[in-house]
Amino acid sequence: MPQRSEFLDFVIGQMGALGQITARTMFGGHGLYCNGLFIAIIASEQLYLKADAQSQPRFEAAGLKRFQYQARGKTVRLMYYEAPTEVYDDARVMTDWGQLALAAAVRARRPARQKMH
């Protein structure tokens, strides 16, 4: 099980303006939750933020890489993108990018609307 690290504690502190940030171990790293919503992954001392079809273009325009890992000889790519390095220097920048991840998590949890007949 991965140990809590200074990096993890630092990221949690930087994300504090988003809401209550908690961490759970996963993927050999940690999953970060904001007010109970899964918004980020920390793996190998790198932060990856949740994206979706709406926010993905911003991550790609910034040249950020998608989170991936190997499973059963295949590469698995998740909709989480590395955070830009500026988030570590400025809590406001972390909040901006974190809000993108939080918005993607909110959109992901909304139930599909039923069609009206």
PDB file of N, CA and C in Angstrom:
ATOM      1  N   MET A   1       0.847  -1.179   0.000  1.00  0.00           N
ATOM      2  CA  MET A   1       0.000   0.000   0.000  1.00  0.00           C
ATOM      3  C   MET A   1       0.891   1.240   0.000  1.00  0.00           C
ATOM      4  N   PRO A   2       0.607   2.207  -0.882  1.00  0.00           N
ATOM      5  CA  PRO A   2       1.439   3.411  -0.940  1.00  0.00           C
ATOM      6  C   PRO A   2       1.318   4.231   0.340  1.00  0.00           C
ATOM      7  N   GLN A   3       2.411   4.792   0.729  1.00  0.00           N
ATOM      8  CA  GLN A   3       2.437   5.652   1.907  1.00  0.00           C
ATOM      9  C   GLN A   3       2.028   7.068   1.523  1.00  0.00           C
ATOM     10  N   ARG A   4       1.474   7.779   2.488  1.00  0.00           N
ATOM     11  CA  ARG A   4       1.222   9.207   2.267  1.00  0.00           C
ATOM     12  C   ARG A   4       2.576   9.867   2.092  1.00  0.00           C
ATOM     13  N   SER A   5       2.640  10.786   1.170  1.00  0.00           N
ATOM     14  CA  SER A   5       3.906  11.451   0.894  1.00  0.00           C
ATOM     15  C   SER A   5       3.745  12.952   1.085  1.00  0.00           C
ATOM     16  N   GLU A   6       4.869  13.642   1.131  1.00  0.00           N
ATOM     17  CA  GLU A   6       4.837  15.103   1.188  1.00  0.00           C
ATOM     18  C   GLU A   6       4.145  15.647  -0.049  1.00  0.00           C
ATOM     19  N   PHE A   7       4.359  15.000  -1.200  1.00  0.00           N
ATOM     20  CA  PHE A   7       3.729  15.445  -2.442  1.00  0.00           C
ATOM     21  C   PHE A   7       2.211  15.356  -2.321  1.00  0.00           C
ATOM     22  N   LEU A   8       1.702  14.242  -1.847  1.00  0.00           N
ATOM     23  CA  LEU A   8       0.263  14.063  -1.671  1.00  0.00           C
ATOM     24  C   LEU A   8      -0.300  15.130  -0.742  1.00  0.00           C
ATOM     25  N   ASP A   9       0.340  15.328   0.398  1.00  0.00           N
ATOM     26  CA  ASP A   9      -0.126  16.336   1.349  1.00  0.00           C
ATOM     27  C   ASP A   9      -0.081  17.740   0.743  1.00  0.00           C
ATOM     28  N   PHE A  10       0.954  18.025  -0.037  1.00  0.00           N
ATOM     29  CA  PHE A  10       1.069  19.322  -0.698  1.00  0.00           C
ATOM     30  C   PHE A  10      -0.087  19.535  -1.678  1.00  0.00           C
ATOM     31  N   VAL A  11      -0.367  18.534  -2.515  1.00  0.00           N
ATOM     32  CA  VAL A  11      -1.448  18.646  -3.495  1.00  0.00           C
ATOM     33  C   VAL A  11      -2.781  18.854  -2.787  1.00  0.00           C
ATOM     34  N   ILE A  12      -3.036  18.098  -1.734  1.00  0.00           N
ATOM     35  CA  ILE A  12      -4.284  18.253  -0.980  1.00  0.00           C
ATOM     36  C   ILE A  12      -4.394  19.691  -0.460  1.00  0.00           C
ATOM     37  N   GLY A  13      -3.300  20.235   0.044  1.00  0.00           N
ATOM     38  CA  GLY A  13      -3.303  21.624   0.513  1.00  0.00           C
ATOM     39  C   GLY A  13      -3.566  22.614  -0.601  1.00  0.00           C
ATOM     40  N   GLN A  14      -2.943  22.390  -1.762  1.00  0.00           N
ATOM     41  CA  GLN A  14      -3.128  23.291  -2.910  1.00  0.00           C
ATOM     42  C   GLN A  14      -4.569  23.258  -3.423  1.00  0.00           C
ATOM     43  N   MET A  15      -5.249  22.126  -3.266  1.00  0.00           N
ATOM     44  CA  MET A  15      -6.613  21.971  -3.773  1.00  0.00           C
ATOM     45  C   MET A  15      -7.680  22.409  -2.761  1.00  0.00           C
ATOM     46  N   GLY A  16      -7.264  22.849  -1.609  1.00  0.00           N
ATOM     47  CA  GLY A  16      -8.195  23.150  -0.521  1.00  0.00           C
ATOM     48  C   GLY A  16      -9.335  24.082  -0.859  1.00  0.00           C
ATOM     49  N   ALA A  17      -9.140  25.016  -1.783  1.00  0.00           N
ATOM     50  CA  ALA A  17     -10.198  25.968  -2.135  1.00  0.00           C
ATOM     51  C   ALA A  17     -11.368  25.300  -2.862  1.00  0.00           C
ATOM     52  N   LEU A  18     -11.166  24.092  -3.380  1.00  0.00           N
ATOM     53  CA  LEU A  18     -12.224  23.389  -4.111  1.00  0.00           C
ATOM     54  C   LEU A  18     -13.285  22.805  -3.191  1.00  0.00           C
ATOM     55  N   GLY A  19     -12.892  22.454  -1.977  1.00  0.00           N
ATOM     56  CA  GLY A  19     -13.796  21.795  -1.039  1.00  0.00           C
ATOM     57  C   GLY A  19     -13.004  20.839  -0.174  1.00  0.00           C
ATOM     58  N   GLN A  20     -13.691  19.866   0.433  1.00  0.00           N
ATOM     59  CA  GLN A  20     -13.014  18.888   1.281  1.00  0.00           C
ATOM     60  C   GLN A  20     -12.314  17.852   0.407  1.00  0.00           C
ATOM     61  N   ILE A  21     -10.988  17.842   0.449  1.00  0.00           N
ATOM     62  CA  ILE A  21     -10.182  16.917  -0.357  1.00  0.00           C
ATOM     63  C   ILE A  21      -9.756  15.747   0.520  1.00  0.00           C
ATOM     64  N   THR A  22     -10.038  14.535   0.042  1.00  0.00           N
ATOM     65  CA  THR A  22      -9.616  13.320   0.736  1.00  0.00           C
ATOM     66  C   THR A  22      -8.880  12.425  -0.255  1.00  0.00           C
ATOM     67  N   ALA A  23      -8.080  11.498   0.273  1.00  0.00           N
ATOM     68  CA  ALA A  23      -7.298  10.590  -0.570  1.00  0.00           C
ATOM     69  C   ALA A  23      -7.559   9.147  -0.165  1.00  0.00           C
ATOM     70  N   ARG A  24      -7.605   8.275  -1.182  1.00  0.00           N
ATOM     71  CA  ARG A  24      -7.719   6.830  -0.968  1.00  0.00           C
ATOM     72  C   ARG A  24      -6.656   6.153  -1.825  1.00  0.00           C
ATOM     73  N   THR A  25      -6.102   5.068  -1.316  1.00  0.00           N
ATOM     74  CA  THR A  25      -5.087   4.363  -2.100  1.00  0.00           C
ATOM     75  C   THR A  25      -5.737   3.646  -3.272  1.00  0.00           C
ATOM     76  N   MET A  26      -5.041   3.682  -4.432  1.00  0.00           N
ATOM     77  CA  MET A  26      -5.494   3.000  -5.647  1.00  0.00           C
ATOM     78  C   MET A  26      -4.410   3.052  -6.710  1.00  0.00           C
ATOM     79  N   PHE A  27      -4.443   2.142  -7.669  1.00  0.00           N
ATOM     80  CA  PHE A  27      -3.492   2.117  -8.791  1.00  0.00           C
ATOM     81  C   PHE A  27      -2.037   2.203  -8.329  1.00  0.00           C
ATOM     82  N   GLY A  28      -1.732   1.726  -7.151  1.00  0.00           N
ATOM     83  CA  GLY A  28      -0.378   1.871  -6.633  1.00  0.00           C
ATOM     84  C   GLY A  28      -0.080   3.308  -6.248  1.00  0.00           C
ATOM     85  N   GLY A  29      -1.095   4.152  -6.236  1.00  0.00           N
ATOM     86  CA  GLY A  29      -0.964   5.559  -5.866  1.00  0.00           C
ATOM     87  C   GLY A  29      -2.153   5.958  -5.020  1.00  0.00           C
ATOM     88  N   HIS A  30      -2.734   7.116  -5.328  1.00  0.00           N
ATOM     89  CA  HIS A  30      -3.887   7.608  -4.572  1.00  0.00           C
ATOM     90  C   HIS A  30      -4.933   8.198  -5.501  1.00  0.00           C
ATOM     91  N   GLY A  31      -6.180   8.031  -5.130  1.00  0.00           N
ATOM     92  CA  GLY A  31      -7.283   8.733  -5.771  1.00  0.00           C
ATOM     93  C   GLY A  31      -7.653   9.907  -4.895  1.00  0.00           C
ATOM     94  N   LEU A  32      -7.897  11.060  -5.504  1.00  0.00           N
ATOM     95  CA  LEU A  32      -8.291  12.245  -4.748  1.00  0.00           C
ATOM     96  C   LEU A  32      -9.764  12.530  -4.992  1.00  0.00           C
ATOM     97  N   TYR A  33     -10.446  12.855  -3.932  1.00  0.00           N
ATOM     98  CA  TYR A  33     -11.877  13.133  -3.969  1.00  0.00           C
ATOM     99  C   TYR A  33     -12.121  14.532  -3.419  1.00  0.00           C
ATOM    100  N   CYS A  34     -13.062  15.229  -4.050  1.00  0.00           N
ATOM    101  CA  CYS A  34     -13.491  16.537  -3.568  1.00  0.00           C
ATOM    102  C   CYS A  34     -14.961  16.416  -3.196  1.00  0.00           C
ATOM    103  N   ASN A  35     -15.245  16.587  -1.929  1.00  0.00           N
ATOM    104  CA  ASN A  35     -16.619  16.457  -1.435  1.00  0.00           C
ATOM    105  C   ASN A  35     -17.240  15.131  -1.893  1.00  0.00           C
ATOM    106  N   GLY A  36     -16.422  14.076  -1.903  1.00  0.00           N
ATOM    107  CA  GLY A  36     -16.883  12.743  -2.245  1.00  0.00           C
ATOM    108  C   GLY A  36     -16.837  12.382  -3.719  1.00  0.00           C
ATOM    109  N   LEU A  37     -16.485  13.326  -4.598  1.00  0.00           N
ATOM    110  CA  LEU A  37     -16.410  13.059  -6.038  1.00  0.00           C
ATOM    111  C   LEU A  37     -14.964  12.808  -6.452  1.00  0.00           C
ATOM    112  N   PHE A  38     -14.742  11.764  -7.226  1.00  0.00           N
ATOM    113  CA  PHE A  38     -13.403  11.369  -7.671  1.00  0.00           C
ATOM    114  C   PHE A  38     -12.919  12.361  -8.732  1.00  0.00           C
ATOM    115  N   ILE A  39     -11.862  13.131  -8.422  1.00  0.00           N
ATOM    116  CA  ILE A  39     -11.409  14.183  -9.336  1.00  0.00           C
ATOM    117  C   ILE A  39      -9.972  14.054  -9.819  1.00  0.00           C
ATOM    118  N   ALA A  40      -9.163  13.197  -9.177  1.00  0.00           N
ATOM    119  CA  ALA A  40      -7.748  13.159  -9.561  1.00  0.00           C
ATOM    120  C   ALA A  40      -7.097  11.860  -9.116  1.00  0.00           C
ATOM    121  N   ILE A  41      -5.977  11.575  -9.762  1.00  0.00           N
ATOM    122  CA  ILE A  41      -5.134  10.425  -9.428  1.00  0.00           C
ATOM    123  C   ILE A  41      -3.724  10.954  -9.183  1.00  0.00           C
ATOM    124  N   ILE A  42      -3.082  10.427  -8.159  1.00  0.00           N
ATOM    125  CA  ILE A  42      -1.650  10.674  -7.980  1.00  0.00           C
ATOM    126  C   ILE A  42      -0.957   9.332  -8.164  1.00  0.00           C
ATOM    127  N   ALA A  43      -0.069   9.267  -9.148  1.00  0.00           N
ATOM    128  CA  ALA A  43       0.709   8.064  -9.431  1.00  0.00           C
ATOM    129  C   ALA A  43       2.143   8.480  -9.712  1.00  0.00           C
ATOM    130  N   SER A  44       3.078   7.821  -9.070  1.00  0.00           N
ATOM    131  CA  SER A  44       4.509   8.130  -9.255  1.00  0.00           C
ATOM    132  C   SER A  44       4.795   9.619  -9.077  1.00  0.00           C
ATOM    133  N   GLU A  45       4.213  10.186  -8.016  1.00  0.00           N
ATOM    134  CA  GLU A  45       4.435  11.598  -7.683  1.00  0.00           C
ATOM    135  C   GLU A  45       4.032  12.538  -8.819  1.00  0.00           C
ATOM    136  N   GLN A  46       3.009  12.153  -9.577  1.00  0.00           N
ATOM    137  CA  GLN A  46       2.460  12.986 -10.652  1.00  0.00           C
ATOM    138  C   GLN A  46       0.957  13.087 -10.442  1.00  0.00           C
ATOM    139  N   LEU A  47       0.426  14.289 -10.594  1.00  0.00           N
ATOM    140  CA  LEU A  47      -1.006  14.538 -10.450  1.00  0.00           C
ATOM    141  C   LEU A  47      -1.686  14.469 -11.810  1.00  0.00           C
ATOM    142  N   TYR A  48      -2.781  13.723 -11.879  1.00  0.00           N
ATOM    143  CA  TYR A  48      -3.607  13.624 -13.082  1.00  0.00           C
ATOM    144  C   TYR A  48      -5.020  14.055 -12.714  1.00  0.00           C
ATOM    145  N   LEU A  49      -5.592  14.964 -13.491  1.00  0.00           N
ATOM    146  CA  LEU A  49      -6.913  15.514 -13.215  1.00  0.00           C
ATOM    147  C   LEU A  49      -7.969  14.909 -14.131  1.00  0.00           C
ATOM    148  N   LYS A  50      -9.159  14.716 -13.584  1.00  0.00           N
ATOM    149  CA  LYS A  50     -10.272  14.130 -14.339  1.00  0.00           C
ATOM    150  C   LYS A  50     -10.662  15.055 -15.493  1.00  0.00           C
ATOM    151  N   ALA A  51     -10.938  14.442 -16.637  1.00  0.00           N
ATOM    152  CA  ALA A  51     -11.396  15.171 -17.820  1.00  0.00           C
ATOM    153  C   ALA A  51     -12.603  14.434 -18.394  1.00  0.00           C
ATOM    154  N   ASP A  52     -13.313  15.098 -19.272  1.00  0.00           N
ATOM    155  CA  ASP A  52     -14.409  14.480 -20.015  1.00  0.00           C
ATOM    156  C   ASP A  52     -14.427  15.128 -21.393  1.00  0.00           C
ATOM    157  N   ALA A  53     -15.410  14.785 -22.199  1.00  0.00           N
ATOM    158  CA  ALA A  53     -15.460  15.301 -23.573  1.00  0.00           C
ATOM    159  C   ALA A  53     -15.469  16.833 -23.605  1.00  0.00           C
ATOM    160  N   GLN A  54     -16.065  17.449 -22.594  1.00  0.00           N
ATOM    161  CA  GLN A  54     -16.144  18.910 -22.565  1.00  0.00           C
ATOM    162  C   GLN A  54     -14.807  19.559 -22.196  1.00  0.00           C
ATOM    163  N   SER A  55     -14.080  18.978 -21.255  1.00  0.00           N
ATOM    164  CA  SER A  55     -12.830  19.598 -20.787  1.00  0.00           C
ATOM    165  C   SER A  55     -11.571  19.045 -21.463  1.00  0.00           C
ATOM    166  N   GLN A  56     -11.674  17.902 -22.104  1.00  0.00           N
ATOM    167  CA  GLN A  56     -10.512  17.266 -22.740  1.00  0.00           C
ATOM    168  C   GLN A  56      -9.760  18.198 -23.690  1.00  0.00           C
ATOM    169  N   PRO A  57     -10.444  19.006 -24.525  1.00  0.00           N
ATOM    170  CA  PRO A  57      -9.700  19.885 -25.433  1.00  0.00           C
ATOM    171  C   PRO A  57      -8.755  20.857 -24.718  1.00  0.00           C
ATOM    172  N   ARG A  58      -9.127  21.319 -23.521  1.00  0.00           N
ATOM    173  CA  ARG A  58      -8.248  22.238 -22.799  1.00  0.00           C
ATOM    174  C   ARG A  58      -6.963  21.529 -22.354  1.00  0.00           C
ATOM    175  N   PHE A  59      -7.092  20.303 -21.876  1.00  0.00           N
ATOM    176  CA  PHE A  59      -5.915  19.539 -21.472  1.00  0.00           C
ATOM    177  C   PHE A  59      -5.016  19.270 -22.679  1.00  0.00           C
ATOM    178  N   GLU A  60      -5.623  18.882 -23.792  1.00  0.00           N
ATOM    179  CA  GLU A  60      -4.839  18.569 -24.981  1.00  0.00           C
ATOM    180  C   GLU A  60      -4.199  19.815 -25.580  1.00  0.00           C
ATOM    181  N   ALA A  61      -4.907  20.949 -25.541  1.00  0.00           N
ATOM    182  CA  ALA A  61      -4.336  22.202 -26.051  1.00  0.00           C
ATOM    183  C   ALA A  61      -3.113  22.625 -25.246  1.00  0.00           C
ATOM    184  N   ALA A  62      -3.088  22.236 -23.971  1.00  0.00           N
ATOM    185  CA  ALA A  62      -1.943  22.564 -23.113  1.00  0.00           C
ATOM    186  C   ALA A  62      -0.821  21.534 -23.267  1.00  0.00           C
ATOM    187  N   GLY A  63      -1.030  20.521 -24.123  1.00  0.00           N
ATOM    188  CA  GLY A  63       0.008  19.518 -24.364  1.00  0.00           C
ATOM    189  C   GLY A  63       0.189  18.538 -23.218  1.00  0.00           C
ATOM    190  N   LEU A  64      -0.856  18.334 -22.431  1.00  0.00           N
ATOM    191  CA  LEU A  64      -0.762  17.459 -21.263  1.00  0.00           C
ATOM    192  C   LEU A  64      -1.060  16.013 -21.643  1.00  0.00           C
ATOM    193  N   LYS A  65      -0.344  15.090 -21.002  1.00  0.00           N
ATOM    194  CA  LYS A  65      -0.459  13.667 -21.333  1.00  0.00           C
ATOM    195  C   LYS A  65      -1.552  12.989 -20.525  1.00  0.00           C
ATOM    196  N   ARG A  66      -2.171  12.008 -21.153  1.00  0.00           N
ATOM    197  CA  ARG A  66      -3.237  11.236 -20.536  1.00  0.00           C
ATOM    198  C   ARG A  66      -2.657  10.143 -19.645  1.00  0.00           C
ATOM    199  N   PHE A  67      -3.334   9.854 -18.538  1.00  0.00           N
ATOM    200  CA  PHE A  67      -2.918   8.799 -17.623  1.00  0.00           C
ATOM    201  C   PHE A  67      -3.111   7.448 -18.297  1.00  0.00           C
ATOM    202  N   GLN A  68      -2.088   6.618 -18.213  1.00  0.00           N
ATOM    203  CA  GLN A  68      -2.189   5.267 -18.756  1.00  0.00           C
ATOM    204  C   GLN A  68      -1.377   4.310 -17.907  1.00  0.00           C
ATOM    205  N   TYR A  69      -1.757   3.048 -17.994  1.00  0.00           N
ATOM    206  CA  TYR A  69      -1.029   1.997 -17.294  1.00  0.00           C
ATOM    207  C   TYR A  69      -1.166   0.701 -18.091  1.00  0.00           C
ATOM    208  N   GLN A  70      -0.351  -0.275 -17.742  1.00  0.00           N
ATOM    209  CA  GLN A  70      -0.359  -1.569 -18.418  1.00  0.00           C
ATOM    210  C   GLN A  70      -1.162  -2.568 -17.599  1.00  0.00           C
ATOM    211  N   ALA A  71      -2.041  -3.317 -18.278  1.00  0.00           N
ATOM    212  CA  ALA A  71      -2.806  -4.382 -17.632  1.00  0.00           C
ATOM    213  C   ALA A  71      -2.963  -5.523 -18.623  1.00  0.00           C
ATOM    214  N   ARG A  72      -2.523  -6.700 -18.226  1.00  0.00           N
ATOM    215  CA  ARG A  72      -2.607  -7.899 -19.069  1.00  0.00           C
ATOM    216  C   ARG A  72      -2.000  -7.674 -20.446  1.00  0.00           C
ATOM    217  N   GLY A  73      -0.869  -6.971 -20.472  1.00  0.00           N
ATOM    218  CA  GLY A  73      -0.161  -6.749 -21.725  1.00  0.00           C
ATOM    219  C   GLY A  73      -0.753  -5.675 -22.617  1.00  0.00           C
ATOM    220  N   LYS A  74      -1.758  -4.960 -22.137  1.00  0.00           N
ATOM    221  CA  LYS A  74      -2.384  -3.907 -22.933  1.00  0.00           C
ATOM    222  C   LYS A  74      -2.275  -2.569 -22.211  1.00  0.00           C
ATOM    223  N   THR A  75      -2.240  -1.512 -22.996  1.00  0.00           N
ATOM    224  CA  THR A  75      -2.217  -0.171 -22.423  1.00  0.00           C
ATOM    225  C   THR A  75      -3.644   0.295 -22.184  1.00  0.00           C
ATOM    226  N   VAL A  76      -3.912   0.700 -20.957  1.00  0.00           N
ATOM    227  CA  VAL A  76      -5.223   1.228 -20.574  1.00  0.00           C
ATOM    228  C   VAL A  76      -5.061   2.724 -20.369  1.00  0.00           C
ATOM    229  N   ARG A  77      -5.895   3.496 -21.062  1.00  0.00           N
ATOM    230  CA  ARG A  77      -5.847   4.959 -20.952  1.00  0.00           C
ATOM    231  C   ARG A  77      -7.131   5.450 -20.301  1.00  0.00           C
ATOM    232  N   LEU A  78      -6.985   6.198 -19.224  1.00  0.00           N
ATOM    233  CA  LEU A  78      -8.135   6.755 -18.521  1.00  0.00           C
ATOM    234  C   LEU A  78      -8.296   8.233 -18.863  1.00  0.00           C
ATOM    235  N   MET A  79      -9.482   8.774 -18.621  1.00  0.00           N
ATOM    236  CA  MET A  79      -9.747  10.189 -18.898  1.00  0.00           C
ATOM    237  C   MET A  79      -9.270  11.075 -17.746  1.00  0.00           C
ATOM    238  N   TYR A  80      -7.995  10.951 -17.457  1.00  0.00           N
ATOM    239  CA  TYR A  80      -7.308  11.792 -16.484  1.00  0.00           C
ATOM    240  C   TYR A  80      -6.050  12.286 -17.181  1.00  0.00           C
ATOM    241  N   TYR A  81      -5.772  13.579 -17.063  1.00  0.00           N
ATOM    242  CA  TYR A  81      -4.616  14.180 -17.719  1.00  0.00           C
ATOM    243  C   TYR A  81      -3.665  14.758 -16.684  1.00  0.00           C
ATOM    244  N   GLU A  82      -2.370  14.703 -17.007  1.00  0.00           N
ATOM    245  CA  GLU A  82      -1.404  15.268 -16.077  1.00  0.00           C
ATOM    246  C   GLU A  82      -1.718  16.746 -15.868  1.00  0.00           C
ATOM    247  N   ALA A  83      -1.461  17.207 -14.675  1.00  0.00           N
ATOM    248  CA  ALA A  83      -1.683  18.612 -14.353  1.00  0.00           C
ATOM    249  C   ALA A  83      -0.508  19.431 -14.877  1.00  0.00           C
ATOM    250  N   PRO A  84      -0.762  20.654 -15.321  1.00  0.00           N
ATOM    251  CA  PRO A  84       0.352  21.502 -15.752  1.00  0.00           C
ATOM    252  C   PRO A  84       1.243  21.846 -14.554  1.00  0.00           C
ATOM    253  N   THR A  85       2.520  22.024 -14.793  1.00  0.00           N
ATOM    254  CA  THR A  85       3.459  22.262 -13.690  1.00  0.00           C
ATOM    255  C   THR A  85       3.137  23.524 -12.898  1.00  0.00           C
ATOM    256  N   GLU A  86       2.443  24.481 -13.505  1.00  0.00           N
ATOM    257  CA  GLU A  86       2.124  25.735 -12.807  1.00  0.00           C
ATOM    258  C   GLU A  86       1.235  25.518 -11.587  1.00  0.00           C
ATOM    259  N   VAL A  87       0.486  24.402 -11.535  1.00  0.00           N
ATOM    260  CA  VAL A  87      -0.410  24.176 -10.399  1.00  0.00           C
ATOM    261  C   VAL A  87       0.364  24.009  -9.097  1.00  0.00           C
ATOM    262  N   TYR A  88       1.622  23.618  -9.198  1.00  0.00           N
ATOM    263  CA  TYR A  88       2.426  23.403  -8.005  1.00  0.00           C
ATOM    264  C   TYR A  88       2.995  24.705  -7.446  1.00  0.00           C
ATOM    265  N   ASP A  89       3.007  25.744  -8.271  1.00  0.00           N
ATOM    266  CA  ASP A  89       3.561  27.033  -7.862  1.00  0.00           C
ATOM    267  C   ASP A  89       2.506  28.022  -7.397  1.00  0.00           C
ATOM    268  N   ASP A  90       1.254  27.809  -7.771  1.00  0.00           N
ATOM    269  CA  ASP A  90       0.224  28.812  -7.533  1.00  0.00           C
ATOM    270  C   ASP A  90      -1.104  28.116  -7.222  1.00  0.00           C
ATOM    271  N   ALA A  91      -1.598  28.282  -6.009  1.00  0.00           N
ATOM    272  CA  ALA A  91      -2.840  27.634  -5.597  1.00  0.00           C
ATOM    273  C   ALA A  91      -4.020  28.097  -6.445  1.00  0.00           C
ATOM    274  N   ARG A  92      -3.978  29.324  -6.960  1.00  0.00           N
ATOM    275  CA  ARG A  92      -5.072  29.799  -7.821  1.00  0.00           C
ATOM    276  C   ARG A  92      -5.108  29.019  -9.128  1.00  0.00           C
ATOM    277  N   VAL A  93      -3.948  28.713  -9.673  1.00  0.00           N
ATOM    278  CA  VAL A  93      -3.878  27.914 -10.902  1.00  0.00           C
ATOM    279  C   VAL A  93      -4.373  26.494 -10.610  1.00  0.00           C
ATOM    280  N   MET A  94      -3.985  25.950  -9.449  1.00  0.00           N
ATOM    281  CA  MET A  94      -4.474  24.623  -9.050  1.00  0.00           C
ATOM    282  C   MET A  94      -5.994  24.648  -8.943  1.00  0.00           C
ATOM    283  N   THR A  95      -6.533  25.712  -8.376  1.00  0.00           N
ATOM    284  CA  THR A  95      -7.988  25.818  -8.241  1.00  0.00           C
ATOM    285  C   THR A  95      -8.661  25.865  -9.609  1.00  0.00           C
ATOM    286  N   ASP A  96      -8.099  26.627 -10.547  1.00  0.00           N
ATOM    287  CA  ASP A  96      -8.675  26.707 -11.891  1.00  0.00           C
ATOM    288  C   ASP A  96      -8.735  25.334 -12.559  1.00  0.00           C
ATOM    289  N   TRP A  97      -7.608  24.626 -12.549  1.00  0.00           N
ATOM    290  CA  TRP A  97      -7.568  23.300 -13.180  1.00  0.00           C
ATOM    291  C   TRP A  97      -8.389  22.302 -12.372  1.00  0.00           C
ATOM    292  N   GLY A  98      -8.354  22.428 -11.056  1.00  0.00           N
ATOM    293  CA  GLY A  98      -9.143  21.551 -10.204  1.00  0.00           C
ATOM    294  C   GLY A  98     -10.639  21.713 -10.435  1.00  0.00           C
ATOM    295  N   GLN A  99     -11.077  22.944 -10.721  1.00  0.00           N
ATOM    296  CA  GLN A  99     -12.488  23.178 -11.018  1.00  0.00           C
ATOM    297  C   GLN A  99     -12.908  22.464 -12.303  1.00  0.00           C
ATOM    298  N   LEU A 100     -11.998  22.388 -13.275  1.00  0.00           N
ATOM    299  CA  LEU A 100     -12.290  21.609 -14.487  1.00  0.00           C
ATOM    300  C   LEU A 100     -12.540  20.141 -14.135  1.00  0.00           C
ATOM    301  N   ALA A 101     -11.670  19.593 -13.284  1.00  0.00           N
ATOM    302  CA  ALA A 101     -11.801  18.191 -12.880  1.00  0.00           C
ATOM    303  C   ALA A 101     -13.078  17.977 -12.073  1.00  0.00           C
ATOM    304  N   LEU A 102     -13.378  18.896 -11.178  1.00  0.00           N
ATOM    305  CA  LEU A 102     -14.582  18.780 -10.362  1.00  0.00           C
ATOM    306  C   LEU A 102     -15.835  18.865 -11.236  1.00  0.00           C
ATOM    307  N   ALA A 103     -15.843  19.772 -12.198  1.00  0.00           N
ATOM    308  CA  ALA A 103     -16.991  19.901 -13.106  1.00  0.00           C
ATOM    309  C   ALA A 103     -17.190  18.612 -13.910  1.00  0.00           C
ATOM    310  N   ALA A 104     -16.093  17.988 -14.346  1.00  0.00           N
ATOM    311  CA  ALA A 104     -16.193  16.718 -15.081  1.00  0.00           C
ATOM    312  C   ALA A 104     -16.775  15.633 -14.183  1.00  0.00           C
ATOM    313  N   ALA A 105     -16.371  15.620 -12.919  1.00  0.00           N
ATOM    314  CA  ALA A 105     -16.897  14.633 -11.972  1.00  0.00           C
ATOM    315  C   ALA A 105     -18.386  14.859 -11.719  1.00  0.00           C
ATOM    316  N   VAL A 106     -18.799  16.108 -11.612  1.00  0.00           N
ATOM    317  CA  VAL A 106     -20.219  16.422 -11.417  1.00  0.00           C
ATOM    318  C   VAL A 106     -21.021  15.972 -12.631  1.00  0.00           C
ATOM    319  N   ARG A 107     -20.535  16.268 -13.822  1.00  0.00           N
ATOM    320  CA  ARG A 107     -21.249  15.848 -15.033  1.00  0.00           C
ATOM    321  C   ARG A 107     -21.343  14.326 -15.122  1.00  0.00           C
ATOM    322  N   ALA A 108     -20.306  13.625 -14.695  1.00  0.00           N
ATOM    323  CA  ALA A 108     -20.277  12.160 -14.775  1.00  0.00           C
ATOM    324  C   ALA A 108     -21.288  11.516 -13.831  1.00  0.00           C
ATOM    325  N   ARG A 109     -21.621  12.157 -12.746  1.00  0.00           N
ATOM    326  CA  ARG A 109     -22.529  11.534 -11.772  1.00  0.00           C
ATOM    327  C   ARG A 109     -23.991  11.845 -12.034  1.00  0.00           C
ATOM    328  N   ARG A 110     -24.278  12.772 -12.911  1.00  0.00           N
ATOM    329  CA  ARG A 110     -25.668  13.118 -13.195  1.00  0.00           C
ATOM    330  C   ARG A 110     -26.345  11.962 -13.928  1.00  0.00           C
ATOM    331  N   PRO A 111     -27.524  11.581 -13.475  1.00  0.00           N
ATOM    332  CA  PRO A 111     -28.232  10.496 -14.188  1.00  0.00           C
ATOM    333  C   PRO A 111     -28.690  10.993 -15.567  1.00  0.00           C
ATOM    334  N   ALA A 112     -28.736  10.068 -16.499  1.00  0.00           N
ATOM    335  CA  ALA A 112     -29.196  10.407 -17.853  1.00  0.00           C
ATOM    336  C   ALA A 112     -30.665  10.816 -17.782  1.00  0.00           C
ATOM    337  N   ARG A 113     -31.006  11.822 -18.537  1.00  0.00           N
ATOM    338  CA  ARG A 113     -32.404  12.272 -18.560  1.00  0.00           C
ATOM    339  C   ARG A 113     -33.248  11.275 -19.339  1.00  0.00           C
ATOM    340  N   GLN A 114     -34.420  11.040 -18.817  1.00  0.00           N
ATOM    341  CA  GLN A 114     -35.342  10.136 -19.501  1.00  0.00           C
ATOM    342  C   GLN A 114     -36.081  10.920 -20.571  1.00  0.00           C
ATOM    343  N   LYS A 115     -36.359  10.243 -21.688  1.00  0.00           N
ATOM    344  CA  LYS A 115     -37.091  10.889 -22.769  1.00  0.00           C
ATOM    345  C   LYS A 115     -38.553  11.021 -22.376  1.00  0.00           C
ATOM    346  N   MET A 116     -39.116  12.149 -22.722  1.00  0.00           N
ATOM    347  CA  MET A 116     -40.539  12.388 -22.474  1.00  0.00           C
ATOM    348  C   MET A 116     -41.336  11.815 -23.647  1.00  0.00           C
ATOM    349  N   HIS A 117     -42.415  11.135 -23.365  1.00  0.00           N
ATOM    350  CA  HIS A 117     -43.261  10.582 -24.438  1.00  0.00           C
ATOM    351  C   HIS A 117     -44.501  11.400 -24.591  1.00  0.00           C
TER     352      HIS A 117
END
